[in-house]
Amino acid sequence: MDNNERILGINEIRELYAVNDLQESELEQQIDEAEQNMQISSMDINMCRITEKEMGLKGQDNDTVEEKRFRILGMENEQTPYTISTLKRRLEQIVGSGMVDVSISNSTVKVRVALIQKKMIDYVKNILEDIVPLDMLIDADVMWNTHQMLKQKTYAQLKEHSHRELKEGELN
């Protein structure tokens, strides 16, 4: 029997190796979690809560992890943009690509957020208040269903919904 076999035959050494293996596994798991929590887009709910607290953000108890990430990302993006494309890109980072329309005319910034993101409109308005220059007006609202969208449906299909559902609902 060589020295390695003798050492491994000692109960205390075997127990030390077993504990070490367990700790190594736990450490690897914690490293993976830490790496995921480094990016806002992959933060877990607990890290989102910690980050919100550090940033002084007030969330609701029933917010999803996506809503919390959205709020954190919005705070990160509150630096003043100098072009409409920069503003649109920042808003798309928050509400999603293709979910926002931005236009400027006669010193009014007009922003429309997709209907499926209507929960985020108040937050978008707050962001705009912080980053749009004071000499410009802000017109931010949800992209409600329009006549153009509804005219593709038959009367029978539309009759199944209330006026409010036709305006605010996500119709297939």
Protein backbone atom coordinates (compact mmCIF):
# COMPACT_ATOMS: atom_id res chain seq x y z
CA MET A 1 0.00 0.00 0.00
CA ASP A 2 1.45 3.37 -1.00
CA ASN A 3 1.19 6.64 0.98
CA ASN A 4 -1.82 8.00 -0.97
CA GLU A 5 -3.86 4.88 -0.21
CA ARG A 6 -2.88 5.03 3.47
CA ILE A 7 -3.83 8.70 3.69
CA LEU A 8 -7.16 8.10 1.97
CA GLY A 9 -7.79 5.22 4.36
CA ILE A 10 -7.86 7.59 7.33
CA ASN A 11 -11.46 8.39 8.28
CA GLU A 12 -10.77 12.04 9.08
CA ILE A 13 -9.13 12.59 5.68
CA ARG A 14 -12.09 10.99 3.88
CA GLU A 15 -14.48 13.23 5.83
CA LEU A 16 -12.39 16.29 4.97
CA TYR A 17 -12.52 15.39 1.27
CA ALA A 18 -16.28 14.85 1.45
CA VAL A 19 -16.81 18.24 3.14
CA ASN A 20 -14.46 19.86 0.62
CA ASP A 21 -16.41 18.37 -2.30
CA LEU A 22 -19.68 19.67 -0.84
CA GLN A 23 -18.24 23.14 -0.23
CA GLU A 24 -16.76 23.23 -3.73
CA SER A 25 -20.18 22.44 -5.22
CA GLU A 26 -21.86 25.15 -3.13
CA LEU A 27 -19.14 27.65 -4.05
CA GLU A 28 -19.57 26.93 -7.77
CA GLN A 29 -23.32 27.48 -7.43
CA GLN A 30 -22.78 30.80 -5.63
CA ILE A 31 -20.29 31.93 -8.30
CA ASP A 32 -22.83 31.10 -11.03
CA GLU A 33 -25.52 33.10 -9.19
CA ALA A 34 -23.15 36.06 -8.73
CA GLU A 35 -22.25 36.03 -12.43
CA GLN A 36 -25.94 36.01 -13.40
CA ASN A 37 -26.68 38.90 -11.03
CA MET A 38 -23.99 41.07 -12.62
CA GLN A 39 -26.25 41.83 -15.60
CA ILE A 40 -29.60 43.55 -15.12
CA SER A 41 -31.20 41.35 -17.78
CA SER A 42 -30.47 38.17 -15.81
CA MET A 43 -30.82 39.35 -12.18
CA ASP A 44 -32.90 37.19 -9.89
CA ILE A 45 -35.73 38.66 -7.82
CA ASN A 46 -33.63 38.99 -4.64
CA MET A 47 -30.84 40.88 -6.38
CA CYS A 48 -33.44 43.13 -8.01
CA ARG A 49 -34.84 43.98 -4.56
CA ILE A 50 -31.35 44.75 -3.23
CA THR A 51 -30.52 46.91 -6.26
CA GLU A 52 -33.85 48.76 -6.03
CA LYS A 53 -33.16 49.52 -2.36
CA GLU A 54 -29.64 50.76 -3.13
CA MET A 55 -30.94 53.00 -5.93
CA GLY A 56 -33.81 54.32 -3.82
CA LEU A 57 -36.44 52.87 -6.15
CA LYS A 58 -39.88 52.04 -4.81
CA GLY A 59 -41.48 48.95 -6.28
CA GLN A 60 -44.71 47.19 -5.53
CA ASP A 61 -44.83 43.90 -3.64
CA ASN A 62 -46.46 42.12 -6.56
CA ASP A 63 -43.97 43.32 -9.21
CA THR A 64 -42.54 40.58 -11.38
CA VAL A 65 -38.80 40.19 -11.82
CA GLU A 66 -39.19 41.64 -15.34
CA GLU A 67 -40.87 44.78 -13.97
CA LYS A 68 -38.15 45.19 -11.37
CA ARG A 69 -35.43 44.78 -14.03
CA PHE A 70 -37.26 47.35 -16.16
CA ARG A 71 -37.28 49.87 -13.31
CA ILE A 72 -33.57 49.33 -12.56
CA LEU A 73 -32.62 49.59 -16.23
CA GLY A 74 -34.65 52.77 -16.51
CA MET A 75 -32.75 54.35 -13.65
CA GLU A 76 -29.46 53.34 -15.28
CA ASN A 77 -30.51 54.98 -18.54
CA GLU A 78 -31.49 58.37 -17.12
CA GLN A 79 -28.64 60.28 -18.70
CA THR A 80 -29.74 63.02 -21.08
CA PRO A 81 -29.85 61.83 -24.69
CA TYR A 82 -28.88 64.27 -27.42
CA THR A 83 -30.65 62.67 -30.39
CA ILE A 84 -34.05 61.14 -31.05
CA SER A 85 -32.40 57.83 -32.00
CA THR A 86 -30.57 57.75 -28.65
CA LEU A 87 -33.83 58.45 -26.81
CA LYS A 88 -35.64 55.73 -28.76
CA ARG A 89 -32.81 53.25 -28.16
CA ARG A 90 -32.92 53.93 -24.41
CA LEU A 91 -36.67 53.50 -24.25
CA GLU A 92 -36.45 50.29 -26.29
CA GLN A 93 -33.90 48.94 -23.80
CA ILE A 94 -36.54 49.39 -21.15
CA VAL A 95 -39.83 48.41 -22.83
CA GLY A 96 -38.46 46.17 -25.58
CA SER A 97 -37.48 46.54 -29.19
CA GLY A 98 -40.32 47.66 -31.43
CA MET A 99 -42.51 48.48 -28.42
CA VAL A 100 -42.09 52.27 -28.57
CA ASP A 101 -42.56 55.02 -31.14
CA VAL A 102 -40.79 58.36 -30.69
CA SER A 103 -41.27 61.51 -32.73
CA ILE A 104 -40.54 65.21 -32.26
CA SER A 105 -42.46 68.08 -33.79
CA ASN A 106 -42.72 71.75 -32.78
CA SER A 107 -40.76 71.18 -29.55
CA THR A 108 -43.04 68.33 -28.44
CA VAL A 109 -41.63 64.88 -27.79
CA LYS A 110 -44.34 62.36 -28.63
CA VAL A 111 -43.84 58.83 -27.27
CA ARG A 112 -46.21 55.93 -27.74
CA VAL A 113 -45.69 52.67 -25.86
CA ALA A 114 -47.08 49.38 -27.19
CA LEU A 115 -50.37 48.25 -25.69
CA ILE A 116 -48.82 45.11 -24.20
CA GLN A 117 -46.46 47.37 -22.20
CA LYS A 118 -49.20 49.70 -20.91
CA LYS A 119 -48.23 48.90 -17.31
CA MET A 120 -44.96 50.72 -17.97
CA ILE A 121 -46.39 54.04 -19.24
CA ASP A 122 -46.14 55.87 -15.90
CA TYR A 123 -42.54 54.81 -15.54
CA VAL A 124 -41.76 55.90 -19.11
CA LYS A 125 -43.34 59.30 -18.34
CA ASN A 126 -41.12 59.66 -15.26
CA ILE A 127 -38.04 58.83 -17.30
CA LEU A 128 -39.01 61.36 -19.96
CA GLU A 129 -39.50 64.03 -17.28
CA ASP A 130 -35.92 63.46 -16.20
CA ILE A 131 -34.22 63.31 -19.60
CA VAL A 132 -36.20 65.55 -21.98
CA PRO A 133 -35.01 69.19 -21.91
CA LEU A 134 -37.23 71.59 -19.97
CA ASP A 135 -38.06 73.69 -23.04
CA MET A 136 -39.84 70.74 -24.69
CA LEU A 137 -43.32 69.35 -24.03
CA ILE A 138 -43.88 65.65 -23.40
CA ASP A 139 -46.79 63.73 -24.90
CA ALA A 140 -46.54 60.11 -23.71
CA ASP A 141 -49.33 57.58 -23.97
CA VAL A 142 -50.14 53.99 -24.88
CA MET A 143 -50.61 52.94 -28.51
CA TRP A 144 -54.31 52.13 -28.15
CA ASN A 145 -56.09 50.05 -30.75
CA THR A 146 -57.08 52.30 -33.65
CA HIS A 147 -59.80 52.23 -36.29
CA GLN A 148 -57.10 51.16 -38.75
CA MET A 149 -56.41 48.06 -36.62
CA LEU A 150 -60.06 47.25 -35.96
CA LYS A 151 -61.39 47.65 -39.51
CA GLN A 152 -59.79 44.32 -40.42
CA LYS A 153 -62.26 42.55 -38.10
CA THR A 154 -65.85 41.70 -38.91
CA TYR A 155 -68.77 43.19 -37.01
CA ALA A 156 -69.47 39.79 -35.44
CA GLN A 157 -65.90 39.59 -34.13
CA LEU A 158 -66.02 43.14 -32.73
CA LYS A 159 -69.47 42.61 -31.18
CA GLU A 160 -67.97 40.05 -28.78
CA HIS A 161 -66.01 42.82 -27.00
CA SER A 162 -66.94 45.89 -24.99
CA HIS A 163 -65.86 49.36 -26.13
CA ARG A 164 -63.13 49.35 -23.48
CA GLU A 165 -61.83 45.95 -24.61
CA LEU A 166 -61.73 47.16 -28.21
CA LYS A 167 -59.72 50.21 -27.21
CA GLU A 168 -57.43 48.75 -24.56
CA GLY A 169 -57.43 45.01 -25.15
CA GLU A 170 -54.94 42.91 -27.02
CA LEU A 171 -56.98 41.55 -29.89
CA ASN A 172 -55.87 38.58 -31.96
